[in-house]
Amino acid sequence: MTKNYPSNLTSEQWELIAELFPEAKPGGRPRTTTSMYPVVNAILYVLCQGATWRALAGHLPPWSTVYGYLRRWRKDRTWLQIHEKLYQWVGVAASREPSPWKADFDNQSVETATMICTDVGFDTGKQIHGRKGFITVDLLGLVLPVLVTSASVPEPAGAKLNVQVLAGLSDER
């Protein structure tokens, strides 16, 4: 039994990105037992509903399978390719160039636990010990790269790093 959740992809949406998912790896269990469409819908369900992996509904693929694909696709940059394709698609649909030529940057410092020592610093301007997130959006409000650094990274340096990340994504096109 398949349930339809608001986070599920439509057939048109799936058709747009289906080709971007890598082929099955050689060896191991054959993928014929796992369809990628329900796996992607299960990932979107967890992300949109805020559910935990182990709380996936019984009619969805096993959580370990879904999470395994999510990790693999993050590591091999499949998610970035999908984001890029959807980003270009939305831009063209809005009569814009496929690549952004204007963007806006913002950042936010977030306090973290004291025991965490990796990428943690002190933001002297905001008096926060933690991390700082730098976000880039284009004129349509679509998210481009998000960069997380130590809170001690100054805003101009973080913006420069974010531009370098954006330029790196442009080079890969």
N, C-alpha and C. Protein backbone atom coordinates (compact mmCIF):
# COMPACT_ATOMS: atom_id res chain seq x y z
N MET A 1 0.85 -1.19 0.00
CA MET A 1 0.00 0.00 0.00
C MET A 1 0.89 1.24 0.00
N THR A 2 0.61 2.18 -0.90
CA THR A 2 1.37 3.41 -0.99
C THR A 2 0.49 4.57 -0.57
N LYS A 3 1.01 5.39 0.34
CA LYS A 3 0.28 6.58 0.76
C LYS A 3 0.87 7.78 0.04
N ASN A 4 0.03 8.76 -0.19
CA ASN A 4 0.48 9.97 -0.85
C ASN A 4 0.68 11.05 0.21
N TYR A 5 1.92 11.48 0.39
CA TYR A 5 2.25 12.55 1.34
C TYR A 5 2.50 13.84 0.57
N PRO A 6 2.32 14.98 1.21
CA PRO A 6 2.60 16.26 0.52
C PRO A 6 4.05 16.36 0.05
N SER A 7 4.95 15.64 0.70
CA SER A 7 6.36 15.70 0.32
C SER A 7 6.70 14.81 -0.87
N ASN A 8 5.78 13.95 -1.30
CA ASN A 8 6.04 13.05 -2.43
C ASN A 8 6.25 13.83 -3.72
N LEU A 9 7.15 13.32 -4.55
CA LEU A 9 7.38 13.90 -5.87
C LEU A 9 6.24 13.52 -6.79
N THR A 10 5.88 14.44 -7.68
CA THR A 10 4.92 14.09 -8.73
C THR A 10 5.68 13.30 -9.80
N SER A 11 4.96 12.67 -10.69
CA SER A 11 5.64 11.91 -11.75
C SER A 11 6.45 12.83 -12.65
N GLU A 12 5.98 14.06 -12.88
CA GLU A 12 6.74 15.02 -13.69
C GLU A 12 8.03 15.42 -12.99
N GLN A 13 7.96 15.66 -11.67
CA GLN A 13 9.16 16.00 -10.91
C GLN A 13 10.16 14.85 -10.92
N TRP A 14 9.67 13.63 -10.74
CA TRP A 14 10.55 12.47 -10.74
C TRP A 14 11.21 12.30 -12.11
N GLU A 15 10.45 12.52 -13.16
CA GLU A 15 10.98 12.38 -14.52
C GLU A 15 12.13 13.36 -14.76
N LEU A 16 12.04 14.52 -14.16
CA LEU A 16 13.07 15.55 -14.34
C LEU A 16 14.40 15.16 -13.69
N ILE A 17 14.36 14.45 -12.55
CA ILE A 17 15.60 14.16 -11.83
C ILE A 17 16.00 12.69 -11.83
N ALA A 18 15.16 11.80 -12.30
CA ALA A 18 15.42 10.36 -12.20
C ALA A 18 16.75 9.95 -12.83
N GLU A 19 17.11 10.57 -13.93
CA GLU A 19 18.35 10.21 -14.63
C GLU A 19 19.61 10.60 -13.86
N LEU A 20 19.47 11.48 -12.87
CA LEU A 20 20.64 11.95 -12.12
C LEU A 20 21.10 11.00 -11.03
N PHE A 21 20.27 10.02 -10.69
CA PHE A 21 20.67 9.07 -9.65
C PHE A 21 21.58 8.02 -10.27
N PRO A 22 22.68 7.70 -9.58
CA PRO A 22 23.64 6.76 -10.15
C PRO A 22 23.07 5.35 -10.28
N GLU A 23 23.67 4.61 -11.19
CA GLU A 23 23.31 3.21 -11.38
C GLU A 23 23.70 2.41 -10.15
N ALA A 24 23.14 1.22 -10.02
CA ALA A 24 23.46 0.35 -8.89
C ALA A 24 24.93 -0.03 -8.93
N LYS A 25 25.53 -0.14 -7.74
CA LYS A 25 26.92 -0.56 -7.65
C LYS A 25 27.02 -2.04 -8.00
N PRO A 26 28.16 -2.44 -8.56
CA PRO A 26 28.33 -3.87 -8.83
C PRO A 26 28.50 -4.64 -7.52
N GLY A 27 27.96 -5.83 -7.48
CA GLY A 27 28.06 -6.64 -6.26
C GLY A 27 26.95 -6.27 -5.28
N GLY A 28 26.85 -7.00 -4.22
CA GLY A 28 25.83 -6.71 -3.21
C GLY A 28 24.45 -7.14 -3.67
N ARG A 29 23.45 -6.69 -2.94
CA ARG A 29 22.06 -7.03 -3.25
C ARG A 29 21.62 -6.32 -4.53
N PRO A 30 20.95 -7.02 -5.43
CA PRO A 30 20.50 -6.36 -6.66
C PRO A 30 19.49 -5.26 -6.35
N ARG A 31 19.57 -4.18 -7.09
CA ARG A 31 18.68 -3.05 -6.87
C ARG A 31 17.26 -3.36 -7.33
N THR A 32 17.05 -4.43 -8.03
CA THR A 32 15.71 -4.76 -8.52
C THR A 32 14.71 -4.85 -7.37
N THR A 33 15.19 -5.07 -6.15
CA THR A 33 14.28 -5.14 -5.01
C THR A 33 13.98 -3.76 -4.45
N THR A 34 14.76 -2.73 -4.87
CA THR A 34 14.56 -1.38 -4.34
C THR A 34 14.38 -0.41 -5.48
N SER A 35 13.23 0.22 -5.54
CA SER A 35 12.98 1.27 -6.53
C SER A 35 13.43 2.60 -5.94
N MET A 36 14.04 3.44 -6.75
CA MET A 36 14.58 4.71 -6.26
C MET A 36 13.47 5.73 -5.96
N TYR A 37 12.36 5.65 -6.65
CA TYR A 37 11.27 6.61 -6.43
C TYR A 37 10.78 6.59 -4.97
N PRO A 38 10.46 5.41 -4.38
CA PRO A 38 10.04 5.42 -2.98
C PRO A 38 11.17 5.79 -2.03
N VAL A 39 12.42 5.52 -2.40
CA VAL A 39 13.55 5.90 -1.55
C VAL A 39 13.64 7.42 -1.47
N VAL A 40 13.56 8.07 -2.62
CA VAL A 40 13.62 9.54 -2.64
C VAL A 40 12.43 10.13 -1.90
N ASN A 41 11.24 9.57 -2.09
CA ASN A 41 10.06 10.06 -1.37
C ASN A 41 10.22 9.87 0.14
N ALA A 42 10.85 8.78 0.57
CA ALA A 42 11.07 8.54 1.99
C ALA A 42 12.05 9.57 2.55
N ILE A 43 13.10 9.91 1.79
CA ILE A 43 14.05 10.95 2.22
C ILE A 43 13.33 12.28 2.37
N LEU A 44 12.51 12.63 1.38
CA LEU A 44 11.77 13.89 1.45
C LEU A 44 10.77 13.88 2.60
N TYR A 45 10.19 12.73 2.88
CA TYR A 45 9.26 12.60 4.00
C TYR A 45 9.96 12.94 5.32
N VAL A 46 11.14 12.35 5.52
CA VAL A 46 11.90 12.61 6.76
C VAL A 46 12.27 14.08 6.85
N LEU A 47 12.76 14.66 5.75
CA LEU A 47 13.20 16.05 5.76
C LEU A 47 12.04 17.03 5.96
N CYS A 48 10.91 16.77 5.31
CA CYS A 48 9.77 17.69 5.40
C CYS A 48 8.95 17.52 6.68
N GLN A 49 8.81 16.28 7.15
CA GLN A 49 7.98 16.02 8.33
C GLN A 49 8.76 16.12 9.63
N GLY A 50 10.08 16.12 9.54
CA GLY A 50 10.89 16.15 10.76
C GLY A 50 10.87 14.83 11.49
N ALA A 51 10.55 13.75 10.79
CA ALA A 51 10.50 12.43 11.41
C ALA A 51 11.92 11.90 11.61
N THR A 52 12.06 10.95 12.51
CA THR A 52 13.35 10.30 12.68
C THR A 52 13.43 9.15 11.69
N TRP A 53 14.66 8.74 11.38
CA TRP A 53 14.84 7.68 10.40
C TRP A 53 14.15 6.40 10.82
N ARG A 54 14.29 6.04 12.08
CA ARG A 54 13.71 4.79 12.55
C ARG A 54 12.19 4.85 12.66
N ALA A 55 11.62 6.04 12.50
CA ALA A 55 10.17 6.19 12.58
C ALA A 55 9.52 6.25 11.20
N LEU A 56 10.24 5.82 10.17
CA LEU A 56 9.63 5.78 8.84
C LEU A 56 8.43 4.85 8.84
N ALA A 57 7.39 5.26 8.13
CA ALA A 57 6.18 4.44 8.05
C ALA A 57 6.50 3.08 7.45
N GLY A 58 5.74 2.07 7.84
CA GLY A 58 6.00 0.70 7.43
C GLY A 58 5.90 0.45 5.94
N HIS A 59 5.14 1.24 5.22
CA HIS A 59 4.99 1.01 3.78
C HIS A 59 6.15 1.62 2.98
N LEU A 60 7.00 2.41 3.64
CA LEU A 60 8.18 2.97 2.98
C LEU A 60 9.33 1.98 3.07
N PRO A 61 10.37 2.14 2.24
CA PRO A 61 11.51 1.23 2.33
C PRO A 61 12.13 1.29 3.73
N PRO A 62 12.88 0.26 4.13
CA PRO A 62 13.51 0.26 5.46
C PRO A 62 14.39 1.49 5.67
N TRP A 63 14.38 2.02 6.90
CA TRP A 63 15.11 3.25 7.18
C TRP A 63 16.59 3.11 6.86
N SER A 64 17.17 1.95 7.12
CA SER A 64 18.60 1.77 6.87
C SER A 64 18.92 1.87 5.38
N THR A 65 18.03 1.38 4.54
CA THR A 65 18.20 1.48 3.09
C THR A 65 18.11 2.93 2.66
N VAL A 66 17.09 3.62 3.14
CA VAL A 66 16.87 5.02 2.77
C VAL A 66 18.03 5.88 3.23
N TYR A 67 18.44 5.72 4.47
CA TYR A 67 19.54 6.52 5.01
C TYR A 67 20.85 6.20 4.29
N GLY A 68 21.06 4.94 3.94
CA GLY A 68 22.26 4.54 3.21
C GLY A 68 22.35 5.24 1.86
N TYR A 69 21.24 5.31 1.14
CA TYR A 69 21.24 6.02 -0.14
C TYR A 69 21.46 7.52 0.07
N LEU A 70 20.84 8.10 1.07
CA LEU A 70 21.04 9.52 1.35
C LEU A 70 22.51 9.83 1.57
N ARG A 71 23.18 9.03 2.41
CA ARG A 71 24.61 9.24 2.68
C ARG A 71 25.44 9.08 1.42
N ARG A 72 25.16 8.04 0.66
CA ARG A 72 25.92 7.78 -0.56
C ARG A 72 25.75 8.93 -1.54
N TRP A 73 24.52 9.40 -1.72
CA TRP A 73 24.27 10.48 -2.68
C TRP A 73 24.84 11.81 -2.22
N ARG A 74 24.95 12.00 -0.91
CA ARG A 74 25.60 13.21 -0.41
C ARG A 74 27.10 13.15 -0.70
N LYS A 75 27.71 12.01 -0.46
CA LYS A 75 29.15 11.87 -0.67
C LYS A 75 29.55 11.95 -2.14
N ASP A 76 28.75 11.35 -3.04
CA ASP A 76 29.13 11.37 -4.46
C ASP A 76 28.56 12.59 -5.19
N ARG A 77 28.01 13.54 -4.45
CA ARG A 77 27.53 14.83 -4.95
C ARG A 77 26.28 14.74 -5.83
N THR A 78 25.56 13.64 -5.73
CA THR A 78 24.32 13.49 -6.48
C THR A 78 23.33 14.58 -6.08
N TRP A 79 23.23 14.87 -4.77
CA TRP A 79 22.29 15.90 -4.32
C TRP A 79 22.63 17.26 -4.89
N LEU A 80 23.93 17.59 -5.02
CA LEU A 80 24.32 18.87 -5.62
C LEU A 80 23.91 18.94 -7.09
N GLN A 81 24.06 17.82 -7.79
CA GLN A 81 23.65 17.79 -9.19
C GLN A 81 22.14 17.98 -9.33
N ILE A 82 21.39 17.36 -8.44
CA ILE A 82 19.93 17.51 -8.47
C ILE A 82 19.54 18.95 -8.15
N HIS A 83 20.19 19.53 -7.13
CA HIS A 83 19.92 20.93 -6.78
C HIS A 83 20.21 21.83 -7.97
N GLU A 84 21.32 21.60 -8.62
CA GLU A 84 21.72 22.43 -9.76
C GLU A 84 20.70 22.33 -10.90
N LYS A 85 20.26 21.14 -11.20
CA LYS A 85 19.29 20.95 -12.29
C LYS A 85 17.96 21.63 -11.94
N LEU A 86 17.48 21.42 -10.70
CA LEU A 86 16.22 22.05 -10.30
C LEU A 86 16.36 23.57 -10.24
N TYR A 87 17.51 24.05 -9.79
CA TYR A 87 17.76 25.48 -9.73
C TYR A 87 17.68 26.10 -11.13
N GLN A 88 18.33 25.47 -12.10
CA GLN A 88 18.29 25.97 -13.47
C GLN A 88 16.88 25.91 -14.03
N TRP A 89 16.17 24.82 -13.72
CA TRP A 89 14.81 24.65 -14.21
C TRP A 89 13.89 25.77 -13.70
N VAL A 90 13.97 26.06 -12.41
CA VAL A 90 13.14 27.11 -11.82
C VAL A 90 13.52 28.47 -12.39
N GLY A 91 14.82 28.70 -12.57
CA GLY A 91 15.27 29.98 -13.14
C GLY A 91 14.76 30.20 -14.54
N VAL A 92 14.83 29.19 -15.36
CA VAL A 92 14.34 29.30 -16.74
C VAL A 92 12.83 29.49 -16.75
N ALA A 93 12.12 28.76 -15.87
CA ALA A 93 10.66 28.91 -15.78
C ALA A 93 10.27 30.32 -15.36
N ALA A 94 11.16 31.00 -14.62
CA ALA A 94 10.90 32.38 -14.18
C ALA A 94 11.50 33.39 -15.15
N SER A 95 11.86 32.93 -16.36
CA SER A 95 12.44 33.79 -17.40
C SER A 95 13.74 34.44 -16.94
N ARG A 96 14.55 33.69 -16.24
CA ARG A 96 15.86 34.17 -15.78
C ARG A 96 16.95 33.34 -16.45
N GLU A 97 18.17 33.86 -16.37
CA GLU A 97 19.32 33.10 -16.85
C GLU A 97 19.49 31.86 -15.98
N PRO A 98 19.99 30.75 -16.54
CA PRO A 98 20.20 29.54 -15.74
C PRO A 98 21.21 29.73 -14.61
N SER A 99 22.16 30.63 -14.78
CA SER A 99 23.15 30.90 -13.73
C SER A 99 22.85 32.24 -13.09
N PRO A 100 23.01 32.35 -11.77
CA PRO A 100 22.73 33.63 -11.13
C PRO A 100 23.82 34.65 -11.45
N TRP A 101 23.45 35.87 -11.61
CA TRP A 101 24.45 36.90 -11.77
C TRP A 101 24.32 37.95 -10.67
N LYS A 102 23.29 37.84 -9.86
CA LYS A 102 23.14 38.68 -8.69
C LYS A 102 22.72 37.80 -7.52
N ALA A 103 23.32 38.06 -6.37
CA ALA A 103 23.00 37.26 -5.20
C ALA A 103 23.12 38.11 -3.96
N ASP A 104 22.58 37.63 -2.87
CA ASP A 104 22.65 38.31 -1.59
C ASP A 104 23.20 37.34 -0.56
N PHE A 105 24.02 37.86 0.34
CA PHE A 105 24.65 37.05 1.37
C PHE A 105 24.12 37.46 2.74
N ASP A 106 24.04 36.51 3.64
CA ASP A 106 23.71 36.80 5.03
C ASP A 106 24.39 35.75 5.89
N ASN A 107 24.47 36.04 7.18
CA ASN A 107 25.08 35.06 8.08
C ASN A 107 24.40 35.13 9.43
N GLN A 108 24.59 34.08 10.19
CA GLN A 108 24.02 33.99 11.53
C GLN A 108 24.96 33.18 12.40
N SER A 109 25.23 33.69 13.60
CA SER A 109 26.04 32.95 14.56
C SER A 109 25.11 32.16 15.47
N VAL A 110 25.49 30.92 15.74
CA VAL A 110 24.67 30.04 16.56
C VAL A 110 25.53 29.47 17.66
N GLU A 111 25.01 29.53 18.86
CA GLU A 111 25.75 29.00 20.01
C GLU A 111 25.77 27.47 19.95
N THR A 112 26.90 26.89 20.34
CA THR A 112 27.03 25.44 20.36
C THR A 112 27.44 25.00 21.75
N ALA A 113 27.35 23.71 21.98
CA ALA A 113 27.74 23.15 23.27
C ALA A 113 29.23 23.34 23.50
N THR A 114 29.62 23.44 24.74
CA THR A 114 31.01 23.69 25.08
C THR A 114 31.93 22.54 24.72
N MET A 115 31.42 21.32 24.77
CA MET A 115 32.30 20.18 24.53
C MET A 115 32.65 19.99 23.07
N ILE A 116 31.96 20.67 22.17
CA ILE A 116 32.27 20.56 20.76
C ILE A 116 33.44 21.47 20.45
N CYS A 117 34.49 20.92 19.86
CA CYS A 117 35.68 21.73 19.63
C CYS A 117 35.99 21.94 18.15
N THR A 118 35.38 21.19 17.24
CA THR A 118 35.67 21.33 15.82
C THR A 118 34.88 22.49 15.23
N ASP A 119 35.55 23.37 14.53
CA ASP A 119 34.92 24.51 13.87
C ASP A 119 34.06 25.36 14.81
N VAL A 120 34.56 25.59 15.99
CA VAL A 120 33.86 26.44 16.95
C VAL A 120 34.77 27.61 17.28
N GLY A 121 34.20 28.78 17.41
CA GLY A 121 34.97 29.97 17.75
C GLY A 121 34.08 30.97 18.45
N PHE A 122 34.63 32.16 18.67
CA PHE A 122 33.90 33.19 19.39
C PHE A 122 33.66 34.37 18.47
N ASP A 123 32.40 34.73 18.28
CA ASP A 123 32.01 35.89 17.49
C ASP A 123 32.02 37.09 18.43
N THR A 124 33.04 37.94 18.33
CA THR A 124 33.17 39.06 19.28
C THR A 124 32.07 40.09 19.10
N GLY A 125 31.57 40.26 17.88
CA GLY A 125 30.52 41.23 17.64
C GLY A 125 29.20 40.84 18.28
N LYS A 126 28.88 39.55 18.23
CA LYS A 126 27.60 39.08 18.77
C LYS A 126 27.75 38.39 20.11
N GLN A 127 29.00 38.27 20.59
CA GLN A 127 29.29 37.65 21.89
C GLN A 127 28.72 36.23 21.97
N ILE A 128 28.98 35.46 20.91
CA ILE A 128 28.48 34.08 20.84
C ILE A 128 29.64 33.13 20.60
N HIS A 129 29.67 32.05 21.38
CA HIS A 129 30.65 30.98 21.20
C HIS A 129 29.96 29.88 20.41
N GLY A 130 30.45 29.63 19.18
CA GLY A 130 29.79 28.60 18.39
C GLY A 130 30.21 28.60 16.94
N ARG A 131 29.23 28.46 16.07
CA ARG A 131 29.46 28.38 14.63
C ARG A 131 28.72 29.53 13.94
N LYS A 132 29.15 29.79 12.71
CA LYS A 132 28.50 30.84 11.92
C LYS A 132 28.13 30.24 10.57
N GLY A 133 26.89 30.47 10.16
CA GLY A 133 26.42 29.99 8.87
C GLY A 133 26.31 31.15 7.90
N PHE A 134 26.87 30.98 6.72
CA PHE A 134 26.79 31.98 5.66
C PHE A 134 25.90 31.41 4.57
N ILE A 135 24.88 32.17 4.18
CA ILE A 135 23.92 31.70 3.18
C ILE A 135 23.94 32.67 2.00
N THR A 136 23.73 32.13 0.81
CA THR A 136 23.66 32.92 -0.41
C THR A 136 22.33 32.61 -1.08
N VAL A 137 21.61 33.65 -1.47
CA VAL A 137 20.36 33.48 -2.22
C VAL A 137 20.41 34.35 -3.46
N ASP A 138 19.73 33.91 -4.52
CA ASP A 138 19.66 34.72 -5.73
C ASP A 138 18.45 35.64 -5.65
N LEU A 139 18.18 36.35 -6.73
CA LEU A 139 17.08 37.32 -6.73
C LEU A 139 15.71 36.69 -6.60
N LEU A 140 15.59 35.40 -6.92
CA LEU A 140 14.32 34.71 -6.75
C LEU A 140 14.15 34.19 -5.32
N GLY A 141 15.20 34.33 -4.50
CA GLY A 141 15.16 33.82 -3.14
C GLY A 141 15.55 32.36 -3.04
N LEU A 142 16.10 31.81 -4.12
CA LEU A 142 16.53 30.41 -4.12
C LEU A 142 17.89 30.29 -3.46
N VAL A 143 18.03 29.28 -2.63
CA VAL A 143 19.25 29.09 -1.86
C VAL A 143 20.36 28.58 -2.76
N LEU A 144 21.51 29.23 -2.66
CA LEU A 144 22.72 28.78 -3.34
C LEU A 144 23.59 28.11 -2.28
N PRO A 145 24.89 28.29 -2.25
CA PRO A 145 25.66 27.56 -1.25
C PRO A 145 25.42 28.06 0.17
N VAL A 146 25.50 27.13 1.09
CA VAL A 146 25.45 27.44 2.51
C VAL A 146 26.78 26.97 3.07
N LEU A 147 27.45 27.85 3.79
CA LEU A 147 28.77 27.55 4.33
C LEU A 147 28.70 27.68 5.85
N VAL A 148 29.18 26.68 6.56
CA VAL A 148 29.22 26.71 8.03
C VAL A 148 30.68 26.76 8.45
N THR A 149 31.00 27.77 9.28
CA THR A 149 32.37 27.96 9.75
C THR A 149 32.38 28.17 11.25
N SER A 150 33.55 28.38 11.77
CA SER A 150 33.69 28.80 13.15
C SER A 150 33.08 30.19 13.29
N ALA A 151 32.51 30.50 14.44
CA ALA A 151 31.89 31.82 14.65
C ALA A 151 32.93 32.94 14.63
N SER A 152 34.20 32.60 14.78
CA SER A 152 35.25 33.62 14.79
C SER A 152 35.59 34.14 13.39
N VAL A 153 35.08 33.50 12.34
CA VAL A 153 35.35 33.97 10.98
C VAL A 153 34.59 35.28 10.76
N PRO A 154 35.31 36.36 10.39
CA PRO A 154 34.63 37.65 10.16
C PRO A 154 33.70 37.58 8.95
N GLU A 155 32.69 38.45 8.93
CA GLU A 155 31.70 38.44 7.85
C GLU A 155 32.34 38.62 6.48
N PRO A 156 33.26 39.58 6.28
CA PRO A 156 33.86 39.72 4.95
C PRO A 156 34.61 38.46 4.49
N ALA A 157 35.33 37.83 5.40
CA ALA A 157 36.07 36.62 5.05
C ALA A 157 35.11 35.47 4.73
N GLY A 158 34.03 35.36 5.49
CA GLY A 158 33.04 34.32 5.24
C GLY A 158 32.33 34.52 3.91
N ALA A 159 32.02 35.80 3.59
CA ALA A 159 31.39 36.09 2.30
C ALA A 159 32.33 35.74 1.15
N LYS A 160 33.62 36.03 1.34
CA LYS A 160 34.62 35.70 0.31
C LYS A 160 34.70 34.18 0.12
N LEU A 161 34.70 33.42 1.22
CA LEU A 161 34.71 31.96 1.13
C LEU A 161 33.47 31.45 0.41
N ASN A 162 32.33 32.07 0.71
CA ASN A 162 31.08 31.66 0.08
C ASN A 162 31.09 31.92 -1.41
N VAL A 163 31.69 33.05 -1.83
CA VAL A 163 31.82 33.35 -3.26
C VAL A 163 32.72 32.32 -3.92
N GLN A 164 33.77 31.89 -3.23
CA GLN A 164 34.66 30.86 -3.78
C GLN A 164 33.91 29.54 -3.95
N VAL A 165 33.05 29.21 -2.98
CA VAL A 165 32.24 27.99 -3.11
C VAL A 165 31.31 28.13 -4.30
N LEU A 166 30.67 29.28 -4.45
CA LEU A 166 29.76 29.52 -5.57
C LEU A 166 30.52 29.44 -6.90
N ALA A 167 31.72 29.99 -6.96
CA ALA A 167 32.53 29.93 -8.18
C ALA A 167 32.92 28.48 -8.47
N GLY A 168 33.20 27.70 -7.43
CA GLY A 168 33.53 26.29 -7.60
C GLY A 168 32.37 25.51 -8.18
N LEU A 169 31.16 25.84 -7.75
CA LEU A 169 29.97 25.17 -8.31
C LEU A 169 29.81 25.57 -9.78
N SER A 170 30.12 26.83 -10.11
CA SER A 170 30.00 27.28 -11.49
C SER A 170 31.01 26.57 -12.38
N ASP A 171 32.22 26.31 -11.85
CA ASP A 171 33.26 25.63 -12.62
C ASP A 171 32.85 24.21 -12.97
N GLU A 172 32.03 23.58 -12.13
CA GLU A 172 31.66 22.18 -12.34
C GLU A 172 30.57 22.04 -13.39
N ARG A 173 29.93 23.12 -13.79
CA ARG A 173 28.82 23.05 -14.75
C ARG A 173 29.31 22.65 -16.10
